Amino acid sequence: TIMSDSEDSTVTYTSVSSPYEGRLGDVSPGEDGPPVMPEDPYAYVVAAFQALPPPDYVPGPEEPEAPPSPVYIPYPLPAAASPTTDSPGYIPESDPYEDPEDDDD
């Protein structure tokens, strides 16, 4: 342990030995030291997707079957249920290209 004092602070340096180090900074990864990282750290992910399925695996459909579409029965709404019929300027059967002033009826 090395101590360094100054007017404002004290710093302490502590040396810790490790079973993985031989000489200073000489680390032998894989044999005497920590395990060596594979060259491609994601190789195990790729290998997992390429692995064979378990023996009890039963292949299913590639896409799940869609639920049946709902059946809608069209029916007219009663006249009172339509907000358009209650509006004051409602014209039941009008032609947008017809001029209302030209009405001979």
PDB file of N, CA and C in Angstrom:
ATOM      1  N   THR A   1       0.850  -1.178   0.000  1.00  0.00           N
ATOM      2  CA  THR A   1       0.000   0.000   0.000  1.00  0.00           C
ATOM      3  C   THR A   1       0.889   1.232   0.000  1.00  0.00           C
ATOM      4  N   ILE A   2       0.604   2.143  -0.882  1.00  0.00           N
ATOM      5  CA  ILE A   2       1.361   3.383  -1.007  1.00  0.00           C
ATOM      6  C   ILE A   2       0.421   4.521  -0.666  1.00  0.00           C
ATOM      7  N   MET A   3       0.830   5.415   0.188  1.00  0.00           N
ATOM      8  CA  MET A   3       0.001   6.555   0.557  1.00  0.00           C
ATOM      9  C   MET A   3       0.668   7.832   0.086  1.00  0.00           C
ATOM     10  N   SER A   4      -0.133   8.766  -0.396  1.00  0.00           N
ATOM     11  CA  SER A   4       0.370  10.046  -0.865  1.00  0.00           C
ATOM     12  C   SER A   4      -0.435  11.128  -0.168  1.00  0.00           C
ATOM     13  N   ASP A   5       0.235  12.013   0.529  1.00  0.00           N
ATOM     14  CA  ASP A   5      -0.447  13.086   1.251  1.00  0.00           C
ATOM     15  C   ASP A   5      -0.197  14.418   0.565  1.00  0.00           C
ATOM     16  N   SER A   6      -1.203  15.233   0.525  1.00  0.00           N
ATOM     17  CA  SER A   6      -1.057  16.616   0.098  1.00  0.00           C
ATOM     18  C   SER A   6      -1.856  17.448   1.081  1.00  0.00           C
ATOM     19  N   GLU A   7      -1.899  18.743   0.888  1.00  0.00           N
ATOM     20  CA  GLU A   7      -2.598  19.603   1.835  1.00  0.00           C
ATOM     21  C   GLU A   7      -4.105  19.337   1.841  1.00  0.00           C
ATOM     22  N   ASP A   8      -4.683  19.024   0.664  1.00  0.00           N
ATOM     23  CA  ASP A   8      -6.134  18.922   0.551  1.00  0.00           C
ATOM     24  C   ASP A   8      -6.681  17.500   0.600  1.00  0.00           C
ATOM     25  N   SER A   9      -5.889  16.496   0.252  1.00  0.00           N
ATOM     26  CA  SER A   9      -6.451  15.155   0.164  1.00  0.00           C
ATOM     27  C   SER A   9      -5.406  14.098   0.430  1.00  0.00           C
ATOM     28  N   THR A  10      -5.890  12.893   0.655  1.00  0.00           N
ATOM     29  CA  THR A  10      -5.029  11.734   0.835  1.00  0.00           C
ATOM     30  C   THR A  10      -5.454  10.687  -0.177  1.00  0.00           C
ATOM     31  N   VAL A  11      -4.508  10.143  -0.929  1.00  0.00           N
ATOM     32  CA  VAL A  11      -4.790   9.116  -1.921  1.00  0.00           C
ATOM     33  C   VAL A  11      -4.085   7.849  -1.486  1.00  0.00           C
ATOM     34  N   THR A  12      -4.792   6.725  -1.532  1.00  0.00           N
ATOM     35  CA  THR A  12      -4.207   5.443  -1.157  1.00  0.00           C
ATOM     36  C   THR A  12      -4.244   4.520  -2.361  1.00  0.00           C
ATOM     37  N   TYR A  13      -3.113   3.933  -2.710  1.00  0.00           N
ATOM     38  CA  TYR A  13      -3.012   2.963  -3.798  1.00  0.00           C
ATOM     39  C   TYR A  13      -2.798   1.604  -3.170  1.00  0.00           C
ATOM     40  N   THR A  14      -3.582   0.624  -3.587  1.00  0.00           N
ATOM     41  CA  THR A  14      -3.459  -0.719  -3.045  1.00  0.00           C
ATOM     42  C   THR A  14      -3.224  -1.684  -4.190  1.00  0.00           C
ATOM     43  N   SER A  15      -2.258  -2.542  -4.055  1.00  0.00           N
ATOM     44  CA  SER A  15      -1.958  -3.544  -5.067  1.00  0.00           C
ATOM     45  C   SER A  15      -2.672  -4.835  -4.678  1.00  0.00           C
ATOM     46  N   VAL A  16      -3.393  -5.412  -5.617  1.00  0.00           N
ATOM     47  CA  VAL A  16      -4.137  -6.638  -5.360  1.00  0.00           C
ATOM     48  C   VAL A  16      -3.575  -7.716  -6.265  1.00  0.00           C
ATOM     49  N   SER A  17      -3.268  -8.845  -5.688  1.00  0.00           N
ATOM     50  CA  SER A  17      -2.752  -9.937  -6.509  1.00  0.00           C
ATOM     51  C   SER A  17      -3.921 -10.743  -7.055  1.00  0.00           C
ATOM     52  N   SER A  18      -3.688 -11.403  -8.174  1.00  0.00           N
ATOM     53  CA  SER A  18      -4.723 -12.191  -8.815  1.00  0.00           C
ATOM     54  C   SER A  18      -4.137 -13.525  -9.231  1.00  0.00           C
ATOM     55  N   PRO A  19      -4.912 -14.598  -9.111  1.00  0.00           N
ATOM     56  CA  PRO A  19      -4.385 -15.899  -9.545  1.00  0.00           C
ATOM     57  C   PRO A  19      -4.232 -15.975 -11.057  1.00  0.00           C
ATOM     58  N   TYR A  20      -4.779 -15.008 -11.799  1.00  0.00           N
ATOM     59  CA  TYR A  20      -4.714 -15.043 -13.251  1.00  0.00           C
ATOM     60  C   TYR A  20      -3.494 -14.333 -13.805  1.00  0.00           C
ATOM     61  N   GLU A  21      -2.738 -13.645 -12.964  1.00  0.00           N
ATOM     62  CA  GLU A  21      -1.584 -12.909 -13.466  1.00  0.00           C
ATOM     63  C   GLU A  21      -0.302 -13.624 -13.079  1.00  0.00           C
ATOM     64  N   GLY A  22       0.562 -13.715 -14.010  1.00  0.00           N
ATOM     65  CA  GLY A  22       1.895 -14.233 -13.745  1.00  0.00           C
ATOM     66  C   GLY A  22       2.762 -13.031 -13.425  1.00  0.00           C
ATOM     67  N   ARG A  23       3.597 -12.663 -14.351  1.00  0.00           N
ATOM     68  CA  ARG A  23       4.360 -11.431 -14.195  1.00  0.00           C
ATOM     69  C   ARG A  23       3.433 -10.249 -14.404  1.00  0.00           C
ATOM     70  N   LEU A  24       3.871  -9.057 -14.082  1.00  0.00           N
ATOM     71  CA  LEU A  24       3.043  -7.865 -14.159  1.00  0.00           C
ATOM     72  C   LEU A  24       2.436  -7.717 -15.551  1.00  0.00           C
ATOM     73  N   GLY A  25       1.112  -7.774 -15.641  1.00  0.00           N
ATOM     74  CA  GLY A  25       0.418  -7.590 -16.908  1.00  0.00           C
ATOM     75  C   GLY A  25       0.481  -8.790 -17.835  1.00  0.00           C
ATOM     76  N   ASP A  26       1.127  -9.864 -17.428  1.00  0.00           N
ATOM     77  CA  ASP A  26       1.240 -11.046 -18.287  1.00  0.00           C
ATOM     78  C   ASP A  26       0.067 -11.967 -17.979  1.00  0.00           C
ATOM     79  N   VAL A  27      -0.956 -11.910 -18.813  1.00  0.00           N
ATOM     80  CA  VAL A  27      -2.147 -12.726 -18.598  1.00  0.00           C
ATOM     81  C   VAL A  27      -2.228 -13.742 -19.716  1.00  0.00           C
ATOM     82  N   SER A  28      -2.467 -14.967 -19.353  1.00  0.00           N
ATOM     83  CA  SER A  28      -2.588 -16.031 -20.338  1.00  0.00           C
ATOM     84  C   SER A  28      -4.054 -16.429 -20.420  1.00  0.00           C
ATOM     85  N   PRO A  29      -4.837 -15.796 -21.305  1.00  0.00           N
ATOM     86  CA  PRO A  29      -6.267 -16.097 -21.342  1.00  0.00           C
ATOM     87  C   PRO A  29      -6.543 -17.505 -21.846  1.00  0.00           C
ATOM     88  N   GLY A  30      -7.505 -18.122 -21.228  1.00  0.00           N
ATOM     89  CA  GLY A  30      -7.928 -19.435 -21.687  1.00  0.00           C
ATOM     90  C   GLY A  30      -7.280 -20.570 -20.949  1.00  0.00           C
ATOM     91  N   GLU A  31      -6.019 -20.470 -20.622  1.00  0.00           N
ATOM     92  CA  GLU A  31      -5.345 -21.563 -19.925  1.00  0.00           C
ATOM     93  C   GLU A  31      -5.296 -21.289 -18.428  1.00  0.00           C
ATOM     94  N   ASP A  32      -4.582 -20.244 -18.040  1.00  0.00           N
ATOM     95  CA  ASP A  32      -4.455 -19.937 -16.620  1.00  0.00           C
ATOM     96  C   ASP A  32      -5.348 -18.771 -16.210  1.00  0.00           C
ATOM     97  N   GLY A  33      -5.961 -18.113 -17.172  1.00  0.00           N
ATOM     98  CA  GLY A  33      -6.711 -16.904 -16.871  1.00  0.00           C
ATOM     99  C   GLY A  33      -8.190 -17.073 -17.151  1.00  0.00           C
ATOM    100  N   PRO A  34      -8.844 -15.947 -17.337  1.00  0.00           N
ATOM    101  CA  PRO A  34     -10.283 -15.999 -17.621  1.00  0.00           C
ATOM    102  C   PRO A  34     -10.548 -16.642 -18.974  1.00  0.00           C
ATOM    103  N   PRO A  35     -11.752 -17.149 -19.193  1.00  0.00           N
ATOM    104  CA  PRO A  35     -12.048 -17.795 -20.480  1.00  0.00           C
ATOM    105  C   PRO A  35     -11.924 -16.805 -21.639  1.00  0.00           C
ATOM    106  N   VAL A  36     -11.547 -17.331 -22.769  1.00  0.00           N
ATOM    107  CA  VAL A  36     -11.358 -16.514 -23.959  1.00  0.00           C
ATOM    108  C   VAL A  36     -12.721 -16.278 -24.611  1.00  0.00           C
ATOM    109  N   MET A  37     -12.971 -15.028 -25.003  1.00  0.00           N
ATOM    110  CA  MET A  37     -14.203 -14.722 -25.738  1.00  0.00           C
ATOM    111  C   MET A  37     -14.090 -15.322 -27.134  1.00  0.00           C
ATOM    112  N   PRO A  38     -15.154 -15.900 -27.655  1.00  0.00           N
ATOM    113  CA  PRO A  38     -15.087 -16.383 -29.036  1.00  0.00           C
ATOM    114  C   PRO A  38     -14.910 -15.196 -29.983  1.00  0.00           C
ATOM    115  N   GLU A  39     -14.420 -15.465 -31.161  1.00  0.00           N
ATOM    116  CA  GLU A  39     -14.186 -14.376 -32.104  1.00  0.00           C
ATOM    117  C   GLU A  39     -15.479 -13.657 -32.438  1.00  0.00           C
ATOM    118  N   ASP A  40     -16.562 -14.393 -32.595  1.00  0.00           N
ATOM    119  CA  ASP A  40     -17.860 -13.780 -32.850  1.00  0.00           C
ATOM    120  C   ASP A  40     -18.722 -14.003 -31.611  1.00  0.00           C
ATOM    121  N   PRO A  41     -18.967 -12.958 -30.817  1.00  0.00           N
ATOM    122  CA  PRO A  41     -19.718 -13.169 -29.579  1.00  0.00           C
ATOM    123  C   PRO A  41     -21.165 -13.603 -29.811  1.00  0.00           C
ATOM    124  N   TYR A  42     -21.694 -13.446 -31.022  1.00  0.00           N
ATOM    125  CA  TYR A  42     -23.073 -13.838 -31.304  1.00  0.00           C
ATOM    126  C   TYR A  42     -23.151 -15.176 -32.042  1.00  0.00           C
ATOM    127  N   ALA A  43     -22.044 -15.885 -32.113  1.00  0.00           N
ATOM    128  CA  ALA A  43     -22.036 -17.168 -32.816  1.00  0.00           C
ATOM    129  C   ALA A  43     -22.989 -18.160 -32.151  1.00  0.00           C
ATOM    130  N   TYR A  44     -23.103 -18.099 -30.828  1.00  0.00           N
ATOM    131  CA  TYR A  44     -24.007 -19.030 -30.144  1.00  0.00           C
ATOM    132  C   TYR A  44     -25.462 -18.754 -30.503  1.00  0.00           C
ATOM    133  N   VAL A  45     -25.801 -17.484 -30.789  1.00  0.00           N
ATOM    134  CA  VAL A  45     -27.173 -17.153 -31.182  1.00  0.00           C
ATOM    135  C   VAL A  45     -27.484 -17.779 -32.536  1.00  0.00           C
ATOM    136  N   VAL A  46     -26.567 -17.642 -33.474  1.00  0.00           N
ATOM    137  CA  VAL A  46     -26.747 -18.222 -34.807  1.00  0.00           C
ATOM    138  C   VAL A  46     -26.824 -19.739 -34.690  1.00  0.00           C
ATOM    139  N   ALA A  47     -25.963 -20.324 -33.870  1.00  0.00           N
ATOM    140  CA  ALA A  47     -25.963 -21.777 -33.708  1.00  0.00           C
ATOM    141  C   ALA A  47     -27.272 -22.256 -33.084  1.00  0.00           C
ATOM    142  N   ALA A  48     -27.843 -21.471 -32.189  1.00  0.00           N
ATOM    143  CA  ALA A  48     -29.100 -21.873 -31.554  1.00  0.00           C
ATOM    144  C   ALA A  48     -30.233 -21.935 -32.568  1.00  0.00           C
ATOM    145  N   PHE A  49     -30.231 -21.025 -33.539  1.00  0.00           N
ATOM    146  CA  PHE A  49     -31.283 -21.039 -34.555  1.00  0.00           C
ATOM    147  C   PHE A  49     -31.064 -22.143 -35.583  1.00  0.00           C
ATOM    148  N   GLN A  50     -29.849 -22.627 -35.707  1.00  0.00           N
ATOM    149  CA  GLN A  50     -29.566 -23.682 -36.674  1.00  0.00           C
ATOM    150  C   GLN A  50     -29.611 -25.065 -36.037  1.00  0.00           C
ATOM    151  N   ALA A  51     -29.829 -25.123 -34.737  1.00  0.00           N
ATOM    152  CA  ALA A  51     -29.859 -26.413 -34.048  1.00  0.00           C
ATOM    153  C   ALA A  51     -31.096 -27.200 -34.471  1.00  0.00           C
ATOM    154  N   LEU A  52     -31.000 -28.502 -34.396  1.00  0.00           N
ATOM    155  CA  LEU A  52     -32.126 -29.364 -34.741  1.00  0.00           C
ATOM    156  C   LEU A  52     -33.213 -29.236 -33.682  1.00  0.00           C
ATOM    157  N   PRO A  53     -34.467 -29.386 -34.056  1.00  0.00           N
ATOM    158  CA  PRO A  53     -35.538 -29.317 -33.059  1.00  0.00           C
ATOM    159  C   PRO A  53     -35.483 -30.536 -32.148  1.00  0.00           C
ATOM    160  N   PRO A  54     -36.068 -30.442 -30.974  1.00  0.00           N
ATOM    161  CA  PRO A  54     -36.073 -31.598 -30.079  1.00  0.00           C
ATOM    162  C   PRO A  54     -36.847 -32.758 -30.706  1.00  0.00           C
ATOM    163  N   PRO A  55     -36.581 -33.990 -30.287  1.00  0.00           N
ATOM    164  CA  PRO A  55     -37.229 -35.154 -30.914  1.00  0.00           C
ATOM    165  C   PRO A  55     -38.747 -35.169 -30.742  1.00  0.00           C
ATOM    166  N   ASP A  56     -39.287 -34.527 -29.713  1.00  0.00           N
ATOM    167  CA  ASP A  56     -40.738 -34.540 -29.528  1.00  0.00           C
ATOM    168  C   ASP A  56     -41.419 -33.352 -30.209  1.00  0.00           C
ATOM    169  N   TYR A  57     -40.696 -32.625 -31.039  1.00  0.00           N
ATOM    170  CA  TYR A  57     -41.240 -31.459 -31.741  1.00  0.00           C
ATOM    171  C   TYR A  57     -42.214 -31.903 -32.823  1.00  0.00           C
ATOM    172  N   VAL A  58     -43.381 -31.289 -32.858  1.00  0.00           N
ATOM    173  CA  VAL A  58     -44.378 -31.573 -33.886  1.00  0.00           C
ATOM    174  C   VAL A  58     -44.548 -30.301 -34.700  1.00  0.00           C
ATOM    175  N   PRO A  59     -44.173 -30.323 -35.982  1.00  0.00           N
ATOM    176  CA  PRO A  59     -44.312 -29.098 -36.773  1.00  0.00           C
ATOM    177  C   PRO A  59     -45.778 -28.730 -36.954  1.00  0.00           C
ATOM    178  N   GLY A  60     -46.051 -27.442 -36.868  1.00  0.00           N
ATOM    179  CA  GLY A  60     -47.418 -26.956 -37.024  1.00  0.00           C
ATOM    180  C   GLY A  60     -47.540 -26.166 -38.304  1.00  0.00           C
ATOM    181  N   PRO A  61     -48.682 -25.548 -38.520  1.00  0.00           N
ATOM    182  CA  PRO A  61     -48.842 -24.734 -39.730  1.00  0.00           C
ATOM    183  C   PRO A  61     -47.886 -23.542 -39.681  1.00  0.00           C
ATOM    184  N   GLU A  62     -47.435 -23.112 -40.844  1.00  0.00           N
ATOM    185  CA  GLU A  62     -46.501 -21.994 -40.910  1.00  0.00           C
ATOM    186  C   GLU A  62     -47.161 -20.709 -40.424  1.00  0.00           C
ATOM    187  N   GLU A  63     -48.422 -20.523 -40.754  1.00  0.00           N
ATOM    188  CA  GLU A  63     -49.160 -19.351 -40.295  1.00  0.00           C
ATOM    189  C   GLU A  63     -50.405 -19.837 -39.565  1.00  0.00           C
ATOM    190  N   PRO A  64     -50.751 -19.193 -38.462  1.00  0.00           N
ATOM    191  CA  PRO A  64     -51.967 -19.634 -37.765  1.00  0.00           C
ATOM    192  C   PRO A  64     -53.198 -19.365 -38.612  1.00  0.00           C
ATOM    193  N   GLU A  65     -54.189 -20.203 -38.427  1.00  0.00           N
ATOM    194  CA  GLU A  65     -55.427 -20.050 -39.190  1.00  0.00           C
ATOM    195  C   GLU A  65     -56.167 -18.816 -38.689  1.00  0.00           C
ATOM    196  N   ALA A  66     -56.606 -17.983 -39.618  1.00  0.00           N
ATOM    197  CA  ALA A  66     -57.310 -16.750 -39.255  1.00  0.00           C
ATOM    198  C   ALA A  66     -58.715 -17.077 -38.780  1.00  0.00           C
ATOM    199  N   PRO A  67     -59.218 -16.325 -37.824  1.00  0.00           N
ATOM    200  CA  PRO A  67     -60.599 -16.566 -37.389  1.00  0.00           C
ATOM    201  C   PRO A  67     -61.558 -16.211 -38.518  1.00  0.00           C
ATOM    202  N   PRO A  68     -62.727 -16.812 -38.530  1.00  0.00           N
ATOM    203  CA  PRO A  68     -63.676 -16.513 -39.615  1.00  0.00           C
ATOM    204  C   PRO A  68     -64.118 -15.052 -39.550  1.00  0.00           C
ATOM    205  N   SER A  69     -64.394 -14.495 -40.711  1.00  0.00           N
ATOM    206  CA  SER A  69     -64.862 -13.109 -40.783  1.00  0.00           C
ATOM    207  C   SER A  69     -66.278 -13.027 -40.243  1.00  0.00           C
ATOM    208  N   PRO A  70     -66.598 -11.939 -39.558  1.00  0.00           N
ATOM    209  CA  PRO A  70     -67.964 -11.813 -39.050  1.00  0.00           C
ATOM    210  C   PRO A  70     -68.952 -11.628 -40.192  1.00  0.00           C
ATOM    211  N   VAL A  71     -70.156 -12.112 -39.986  1.00  0.00           N
ATOM    212  CA  VAL A  71     -71.210 -11.998 -40.989  1.00  0.00           C
ATOM    213  C   VAL A  71     -72.105 -10.838 -40.576  1.00  0.00           C
ATOM    214  N   TYR A  72     -72.182  -9.831 -41.433  1.00  0.00           N
ATOM    215  CA  TYR A  72     -73.019  -8.670 -41.159  1.00  0.00           C
ATOM    216  C   TYR A  72     -74.299  -8.770 -41.979  1.00  0.00           C
ATOM    217  N   ILE A  73     -75.408  -8.573 -41.321  1.00  0.00           N
ATOM    218  CA  ILE A  73     -76.701  -8.599 -42.003  1.00  0.00           C
ATOM    219  C   ILE A  73     -77.125  -7.149 -42.206  1.00  0.00           C
ATOM    220  N   PRO A  74     -77.194  -6.690 -43.461  1.00  0.00           N
ATOM    221  CA  PRO A  74     -77.580  -5.296 -43.690  1.00  0.00           C
ATOM    222  C   PRO A  74     -79.070  -5.102 -43.447  1.00  0.00           C
ATOM    223  N   TYR A  75     -79.402  -4.045 -42.780  1.00  0.00           N
ATOM    224  CA  TYR A  75     -80.808  -3.706 -42.586  1.00  0.00           C
ATOM    225  C   TYR A  75     -80.905  -2.184 -42.546  1.00  0.00           C
ATOM    226  N   PRO A  76     -81.995  -1.625 -43.053  1.00  0.00           N
ATOM    227  CA  PRO A  76     -82.133  -0.167 -43.069  1.00  0.00           C
ATOM    228  C   PRO A  76     -82.441   0.362 -41.671  1.00  0.00           C
ATOM    229  N   LEU A  77     -81.927   1.538 -41.398  1.00  0.00           N
ATOM    230  CA  LEU A  77     -82.231   2.175 -40.128  1.00  0.00           C
ATOM    231  C   LEU A  77     -83.598   2.835 -40.212  1.00  0.00           C
ATOM    232  N   PRO A  78     -84.316   2.896 -39.136  1.00  0.00           N
ATOM    233  CA  PRO A  78     -85.587   3.624 -39.161  1.00  0.00           C
ATOM    234  C   PRO A  78     -85.322   5.110 -39.408  1.00  0.00           C
ATOM    235  N   ALA A  79     -86.274   5.802 -39.993  1.00  0.00           N
ATOM    236  CA  ALA A  79     -86.091   7.207 -40.363  1.00  0.00           C
ATOM    237  C   ALA A  79     -85.765   8.060 -39.155  1.00  0.00           C
ATOM    238  N   ALA A  80     -86.321   7.756 -37.995  1.00  0.00           N
ATOM    239  CA  ALA A  80     -86.075   8.560 -36.802  1.00  0.00           C
ATOM    240  C   ALA A  80     -84.652   8.393 -36.290  1.00  0.00           C
ATOM    241  N   ALA A  81     -83.985   7.293 -36.652  1.00  0.00           N
ATOM    242  CA  ALA A  81     -82.635   7.046 -36.163  1.00  0.00           C
ATOM    243  C   ALA A  81     -81.590   7.784 -36.985  1.00  0.00           C
ATOM    244  N   SER A  82     -81.968   8.297 -38.125  1.00  0.00           N
ATOM    245  CA  SER A  82     -81.020   8.990 -38.985  1.00  0.00           C
ATOM    246  C   SER A  82     -80.993  10.472 -38.624  1.00  0.00           C
ATOM    247  N   PRO A  83     -79.852  11.029 -38.217  1.00  0.00           N
ATOM    248  CA  PRO A  83     -79.799  12.449 -37.863  1.00  0.00           C
ATOM    249  C   PRO A  83     -80.001  13.351 -39.075  1.00  0.00           C
ATOM    250  N   THR A  84     -79.796  12.830 -40.270  1.00  0.00           N
ATOM    251  CA  THR A  84     -79.956  13.640 -41.474  1.00  0.00           C
ATOM    252  C   THR A  84     -81.416  14.019 -41.687  1.00  0.00           C
ATOM    253  N   THR A  85     -82.331  13.118 -41.379  1.00  0.00           N
ATOM    254  CA  THR A  85     -83.752  13.420 -41.595  1.00  0.00           C
ATOM    255  C   THR A  85     -84.245  14.489 -40.639  1.00  0.00           C
ATOM    256  N   ASP A  86     -83.592  14.650 -39.508  1.00  0.00           N
ATOM    257  CA  ASP A  86     -84.007  15.658 -38.538  1.00  0.00           C
ATOM    258  C   ASP A  86     -83.444  17.041 -38.856  1.00  0.00           C
ATOM    259  N   SER A  87     -82.476  17.130 -39.765  1.00  0.00           N
ATOM    260  CA  SER A  87     -81.891  18.436 -40.074  1.00  0.00           C
ATOM    261  C   SER A  87     -82.884  19.258 -40.885  1.00  0.00           C
ATOM    262  N   PRO A  88     -82.943  20.585 -40.671  1.00  0.00           N
ATOM    263  CA  PRO A  88     -83.971  21.408 -41.322  1.00  0.00           C
ATOM    264  C   PRO A  88     -83.816  21.516 -42.831  1.00  0.00           C
ATOM    265  N   GLY A  89     -82.627  21.428 -43.376  1.00  0.00           N
ATOM    266  CA  GLY A  89     -82.455  21.590 -44.820  1.00  0.00           C
ATOM    267  C   GLY A  89     -82.360  20.283 -45.570  1.00  0.00           C
ATOM    268  N   TYR A  90     -82.873  19.209 -45.002  1.00  0.00           N
ATOM    269  CA  TYR A  90     -82.748  17.892 -45.629  1.00  0.00           C
ATOM    270  C   TYR A  90     -83.682  17.766 -46.820  1.00  0.00           C
ATOM    271  N   ILE A  91     -83.109  17.350 -47.954  1.00  0.00           N
ATOM    272  CA  ILE A  91     -83.889  17.080 -49.163  1.00  0.00           C
ATOM    273  C   ILE A  91     -83.752  15.588 -49.419  1.00  0.00           C
ATOM    274  N   PRO A  92     -84.833  14.811 -49.323  1.00  0.00           N
ATOM    275  CA  PRO A  92     -84.738  13.347 -49.384  1.00  0.00           C
ATOM    276  C   PRO A  92     -84.079  12.813 -50.644  1.00  0.00           C
ATOM    277  N   GLU A  93     -84.514  13.214 -51.800  1.00  0.00           N
ATOM    278  CA  GLU A  93     -83.923  12.707 -53.035  1.00  0.00           C
ATOM    279  C   GLU A  93     -83.521  13.901 -53.874  1.00  0.00           C
ATOM    280  N   SER A  94     -82.254  14.250 -53.810  1.00  0.00           N
ATOM    281  CA  SER A  94     -81.811  15.410 -54.581  1.00  0.00           C
ATOM    282  C   SER A  94     -80.677  15.004 -55.501  1.00  0.00           C
ATOM    283  N   ASP A  95     -80.569  15.721 -56.576  1.00  0.00           N
ATOM    284  CA  ASP A  95     -79.497  15.509 -57.534  1.00  0.00           C
ATOM    285  C   ASP A  95     -78.546  16.690 -57.384  1.00  0.00           C
ATOM    286  N   PRO A  96     -77.281  16.455 -57.070  1.00  0.00           N
ATOM    287  CA  PRO A  96     -76.372  17.586 -56.865  1.00  0.00           C
ATOM    288  C   PRO A  96     -76.160  18.417 -58.132  1.00  0.00           C
ATOM    289  N   TYR A  97     -76.445  17.842 -59.294  1.00  0.00           N
ATOM    290  CA  TYR A  97     -76.256  18.578 -60.546  1.00  0.00           C
ATOM    291  C   TYR A  97     -77.531  19.308 -60.974  1.00  0.00           C
ATOM    292  N   GLU A  98     -78.612  19.080 -60.254  1.00  0.00           N
ATOM    293  CA  GLU A  98     -79.884  19.707 -60.606  1.00  0.00           C
ATOM    294  C   GLU A  98     -80.006  21.038 -59.864  1.00  0.00           C
ATOM    295  N   ASP A  99     -80.453  22.051 -60.551  1.00  0.00           N
ATOM    296  CA  ASP A  99     -80.639  23.357 -59.935  1.00  0.00           C
ATOM    297  C   ASP A  99     -81.984  23.351 -59.218  1.00  0.00           C
ATOM    298  N   PRO A 100     -82.029  23.643 -57.920  1.00  0.00           N
ATOM    299  CA  PRO A 100     -83.306  23.599 -57.205  1.00  0.00           C
ATOM    300  C   PRO A 100     -84.309  24.646 -57.714  1.00  0.00           C
ATOM    301  N   GLU A 101     -83.837  25.706 -58.360  1.00  0.00           N
ATOM    302  CA  GLU A 101     -84.742  26.726 -58.907  1.00  0.00           C
ATOM    303  C   GLU A 101     -85.476  26.220 -60.146  1.00  0.00           C
ATOM    304  N   ASP A 102     -84.930  25.205 -60.827  1.00  0.00           N
ATOM    305  CA  ASP A 102     -85.535  24.689 -62.050  1.00  0.00           C
ATOM    306  C   ASP A 102     -86.609  23.649 -61.775  1.00  0.00           C
ATOM    307  N   ASP A 103     -86.985  23.466 -60.552  1.00  0.00           N
ATOM    308  CA  ASP A 103     -87.956  22.434 -60.198  1.00  0.00           C
ATOM    309  C   ASP A 103     -89.351  22.869 -60.650  1.00  0.00           C
ATOM    310  N   ASP A 104     -89.980  22.090 -61.566  1.00  0.00           N
ATOM    311  CA  ASP A 104     -91.278  22.442 -62.126  1.00  0.00           C
ATOM    312  C   ASP A 104     -92.437  21.899 -61.293  1.00  0.00           C
ATOM    313  N   ASP A 105     -92.181  21.015 -60.349  1.00  0.00           N
ATOM    314  CA  ASP A 105     -93.273  20.383 -59.600  1.00  0.00           C
ATOM    315  C   ASP A 105     -94.050  21.340 -58.790  1.00  0.00           C
TER     316      ASP A 105
END
